[in-house]
N, C-alpha and C. Protein backbone atom coordinates (compact mmCIF):
# COMPACT_ATOMS: atom_id res chain seq x y z
N MET A 1 10.33 7.13 -17.13
CA MET A 1 9.07 7.79 -17.53
C MET A 1 8.19 7.22 -16.06
N GLN A 2 7.48 8.01 -15.60
CA GLN A 2 6.74 7.94 -14.24
C GLN A 2 5.32 7.07 -14.71
N GLU A 3 5.15 6.30 -13.91
CA GLU A 3 3.68 5.53 -14.31
C GLU A 3 2.65 6.43 -13.78
N THR A 4 1.53 6.30 -14.71
CA THR A 4 0.22 6.99 -14.39
C THR A 4 -0.76 6.34 -13.30
N MET A 5 -1.73 6.73 -12.75
CA MET A 5 -2.48 5.92 -11.77
C MET A 5 -3.29 5.12 -12.73
N ALA A 6 -3.60 5.48 -13.94
CA ALA A 6 -4.46 4.48 -14.87
C ALA A 6 -3.44 3.31 -14.91
N ASP A 7 -2.25 3.28 -15.23
CA ASP A 7 -1.39 2.18 -15.44
C ASP A 7 -1.32 1.49 -13.95
N LEU A 8 -1.21 2.22 -12.99
CA LEU A 8 -0.93 1.55 -11.50
C LEU A 8 -2.20 0.66 -11.36
N TYR A 9 -3.58 1.26 -11.54
CA TYR A 9 -4.65 0.59 -11.26
C TYR A 9 -5.10 -0.51 -12.34
N ALA A 10 -4.44 -0.64 -13.32
CA ALA A 10 -4.41 -1.59 -14.36
C ALA A 10 -3.66 -2.79 -14.18
N ARG A 11 -2.85 -2.79 -13.09
CA ARG A 11 -1.94 -3.80 -12.72
C ARG A 11 -2.85 -5.14 -12.18
N ASP A 12 -2.39 -6.11 -12.50
CA ASP A 12 -2.98 -7.46 -11.81
C ASP A 12 -2.39 -7.80 -10.47
N LEU A 13 -3.12 -7.79 -9.41
CA LEU A 13 -2.62 -8.04 -8.00
C LEU A 13 -2.87 -9.46 -7.72
N THR A 14 -3.33 -10.17 -8.58
CA THR A 14 -3.55 -11.80 -8.26
C THR A 14 -2.31 -12.59 -7.55
N GLU A 15 -1.19 -12.28 -7.86
CA GLU A 15 -0.09 -12.84 -7.48
C GLU A 15 0.79 -12.02 -6.38
N ALA A 16 -0.02 -10.82 -6.02
CA ALA A 16 0.64 -9.84 -4.95
C ALA A 16 0.73 -10.80 -3.58
N ARG A 17 1.90 -10.31 -2.89
CA ARG A 17 2.28 -11.04 -1.58
C ARG A 17 1.90 -9.86 -0.37
N TRP A 18 0.78 -10.01 0.04
CA TRP A 18 0.13 -9.15 1.08
C TRP A 18 0.84 -9.39 2.47
N VAL A 19 1.42 -8.49 3.23
CA VAL A 19 1.82 -8.53 4.60
C VAL A 19 1.32 -7.55 5.26
N LYS A 20 1.24 -7.97 6.75
CA LYS A 20 0.70 -7.15 7.65
C LYS A 20 1.88 -6.53 8.52
N SER A 21 1.96 -5.40 9.20
CA SER A 21 2.84 -4.94 9.88
C SER A 21 3.17 -5.86 11.16
N SER A 22 4.23 -6.13 11.45
CA SER A 22 4.57 -6.98 12.69
C SER A 22 4.58 -6.30 13.92
N LYS A 23 4.40 -4.89 13.89
CA LYS A 23 4.31 -3.92 14.98
C LYS A 23 2.82 -3.54 15.39
N SER A 24 2.07 -4.05 14.63
CA SER A 24 0.40 -3.70 15.02
C SER A 24 0.02 -4.60 16.05
N PRO A 25 -0.49 -3.93 17.07
CA PRO A 25 -1.02 -4.70 18.08
C PRO A 25 -2.68 -5.54 17.66
N TYR A 26 -3.10 -4.97 16.53
CA TYR A 26 -4.22 -5.57 15.83
C TYR A 26 -4.16 -6.28 14.73
N ARG A 27 -3.39 -7.40 14.95
CA ARG A 27 -2.90 -8.20 13.64
C ARG A 27 -4.00 -8.75 12.76
N GLU A 28 -5.36 -8.93 13.58
CA GLU A 28 -6.55 -9.30 12.73
C GLU A 28 -7.02 -8.11 11.95
N THR A 29 -7.05 -6.96 12.51
CA THR A 29 -7.95 -5.87 11.84
C THR A 29 -6.97 -4.77 11.34
N CYS A 30 -6.01 -5.06 10.47
CA CYS A 30 -4.97 -3.78 10.21
C CYS A 30 -5.06 -3.78 8.61
N VAL A 31 -4.30 -2.84 8.09
CA VAL A 31 -3.89 -2.88 6.60
C VAL A 31 -2.89 -3.89 6.34
N GLU A 32 -3.07 -4.39 5.13
CA GLU A 32 -2.00 -5.34 4.53
C GLU A 32 -1.50 -4.44 3.31
N VAL A 33 -0.14 -4.58 3.02
CA VAL A 33 0.60 -3.77 1.94
C VAL A 33 1.31 -4.88 1.11
N ALA A 34 1.11 -4.84 -0.02
CA ALA A 34 2.00 -5.33 -1.06
C ALA A 34 2.87 -4.59 -1.91
N GLU A 35 4.09 -4.83 -1.94
CA GLU A 35 5.04 -4.22 -2.61
C GLU A 35 4.91 -4.69 -4.34
N LEU A 36 4.86 -3.54 -5.03
CA LEU A 36 4.81 -3.64 -6.59
C LEU A 36 6.09 -3.31 -7.24
N ALA A 37 6.01 -3.70 -8.46
CA ALA A 37 7.48 -3.41 -9.28
C ALA A 37 7.56 -1.89 -9.15
N GLY A 38 8.71 -1.28 -9.36
CA GLY A 38 9.04 -0.01 -9.51
C GLY A 38 8.82 0.99 -8.14
N GLY A 39 8.63 0.03 -7.09
CA GLY A 39 8.71 0.87 -5.76
C GLY A 39 7.26 1.24 -5.45
N ALA A 40 6.11 0.99 -6.11
CA ALA A 40 4.81 0.95 -6.10
C ALA A 40 4.16 0.17 -5.09
N VAL A 41 3.26 0.47 -4.37
CA VAL A 41 2.72 -0.34 -3.27
C VAL A 41 1.16 -0.24 -3.52
N ALA A 42 0.46 -1.33 -2.97
CA ALA A 42 -0.91 -1.43 -2.90
C ALA A 42 -1.17 -1.64 -1.50
N ILE A 43 -2.55 -1.15 -1.14
CA ILE A 43 -2.79 -1.43 0.27
C ILE A 43 -4.22 -1.71 0.32
N ARG A 44 -4.46 -2.78 1.24
CA ARG A 44 -5.94 -3.24 1.41
C ARG A 44 -6.20 -3.39 2.88
N ASP A 45 -7.63 -3.49 3.23
CA ASP A 45 -8.19 -3.63 4.44
C ASP A 45 -8.13 -5.06 4.82
N SER A 46 -7.56 -5.50 5.74
CA SER A 46 -7.56 -7.19 6.34
C SER A 46 -8.92 -7.50 6.50
N LYS A 47 -9.67 -6.65 6.94
CA LYS A 47 -11.02 -7.19 7.48
C LYS A 47 -11.97 -7.29 6.24
N ASP A 48 -11.79 -6.76 5.16
CA ASP A 48 -12.69 -6.59 3.99
C ASP A 48 -11.77 -6.96 2.69
N LYS A 49 -11.36 -8.05 2.29
CA LYS A 49 -10.48 -8.30 1.40
C LYS A 49 -11.26 -8.00 -0.02
N GLY A 50 -12.49 -7.81 -0.17
CA GLY A 50 -13.38 -7.70 -1.07
C GLY A 50 -13.44 -6.23 -1.68
N LEU A 51 -12.99 -5.39 -0.74
CA LEU A 51 -12.79 -3.90 -1.42
C LEU A 51 -11.58 -3.76 -2.14
N PRO A 52 -11.66 -2.89 -3.24
CA PRO A 52 -10.45 -2.74 -3.93
C PRO A 52 -9.27 -1.99 -3.31
N PRO A 53 -8.16 -2.55 -3.49
CA PRO A 53 -7.02 -2.21 -2.79
C PRO A 53 -6.58 -0.58 -3.29
N LEU A 54 -6.12 0.09 -2.56
CA LEU A 54 -5.51 1.42 -2.86
C LEU A 54 -4.15 1.20 -3.52
N ARG A 55 -3.74 2.11 -4.39
CA ARG A 55 -2.37 1.79 -4.88
C ARG A 55 -1.72 3.13 -4.96
N PHE A 56 -0.58 3.36 -4.73
CA PHE A 56 0.52 4.41 -4.66
C PHE A 56 1.78 4.38 -5.50
N THR A 57 2.01 5.34 -6.20
CA THR A 57 3.36 5.16 -6.87
C THR A 57 4.43 5.08 -5.85
N ALA A 58 5.61 5.03 -6.33
CA ALA A 58 6.85 5.02 -5.24
C ALA A 58 6.97 6.36 -4.71
N GLU A 59 6.77 7.45 -5.47
CA GLU A 59 6.95 8.78 -5.08
C GLU A 59 5.72 9.15 -4.02
N GLU A 60 4.78 8.79 -4.36
CA GLU A 60 3.55 8.99 -3.26
C GLU A 60 3.85 8.04 -2.03
N TRP A 61 4.31 6.95 -2.16
CA TRP A 61 4.45 6.13 -0.86
C TRP A 61 5.82 6.71 -0.05
N THR A 62 6.67 7.23 -0.77
CA THR A 62 7.79 7.72 -0.05
C THR A 62 7.50 8.94 0.75
N ALA A 63 6.67 9.77 -0.01
CA ALA A 63 6.25 11.02 0.76
C ALA A 63 5.31 10.70 1.81
N PHE A 64 4.43 9.75 1.69
CA PHE A 64 3.60 9.17 3.03
C PHE A 64 4.54 8.96 4.02
N ARG A 65 5.48 7.89 3.86
CA ARG A 65 6.32 7.39 4.93
C ARG A 65 7.17 8.48 5.48
N GLU A 66 7.85 9.44 4.68
CA GLU A 66 8.29 10.54 5.42
C GLU A 66 7.55 11.39 6.09
N GLY A 67 6.34 11.55 5.83
CA GLY A 67 5.34 12.41 6.38
C GLY A 67 4.99 11.75 7.88
N VAL A 68 4.85 10.49 7.86
CA VAL A 68 4.65 9.62 9.20
C VAL A 68 5.87 9.83 9.88
N ARG A 69 7.10 9.73 9.47
CA ARG A 69 8.38 9.93 10.16
C ARG A 69 8.45 11.19 10.98
N ASP A 70 8.05 12.27 10.00
CA ASP A 70 8.15 13.45 10.60
C ASP A 70 6.91 14.08 11.25
N GLY A 71 6.05 13.19 11.66
CA GLY A 71 4.85 13.62 12.53
C GLY A 71 3.91 14.45 11.95
N GLU A 72 3.90 14.40 10.81
CA GLU A 72 2.65 15.30 9.86
C GLU A 72 1.36 14.90 10.20
N PHE A 73 1.32 13.67 10.56
CA PHE A 73 -0.30 12.99 10.69
C PHE A 73 -0.55 12.89 12.10
N GLY A 74 0.04 13.44 12.93
CA GLY A 74 -0.13 13.08 14.34
C GLY A 74 -0.89 14.19 15.07
């Protein structure tokens, strides 16, 4: 059963482990990603942690990563 966006946004992120890319030249001002159960992810702005994180299902995140790898956003 695929998780709905409402389910994804209802998740508590209090205990989420946020990480920044080790490849980012701007370690102070980049996005942070937290892996969630079921392959979903949450993304937040490292400069303004008060903004609500964006959340993506496993399928959305996979499609995004594949698009980056294939040069779709360049």
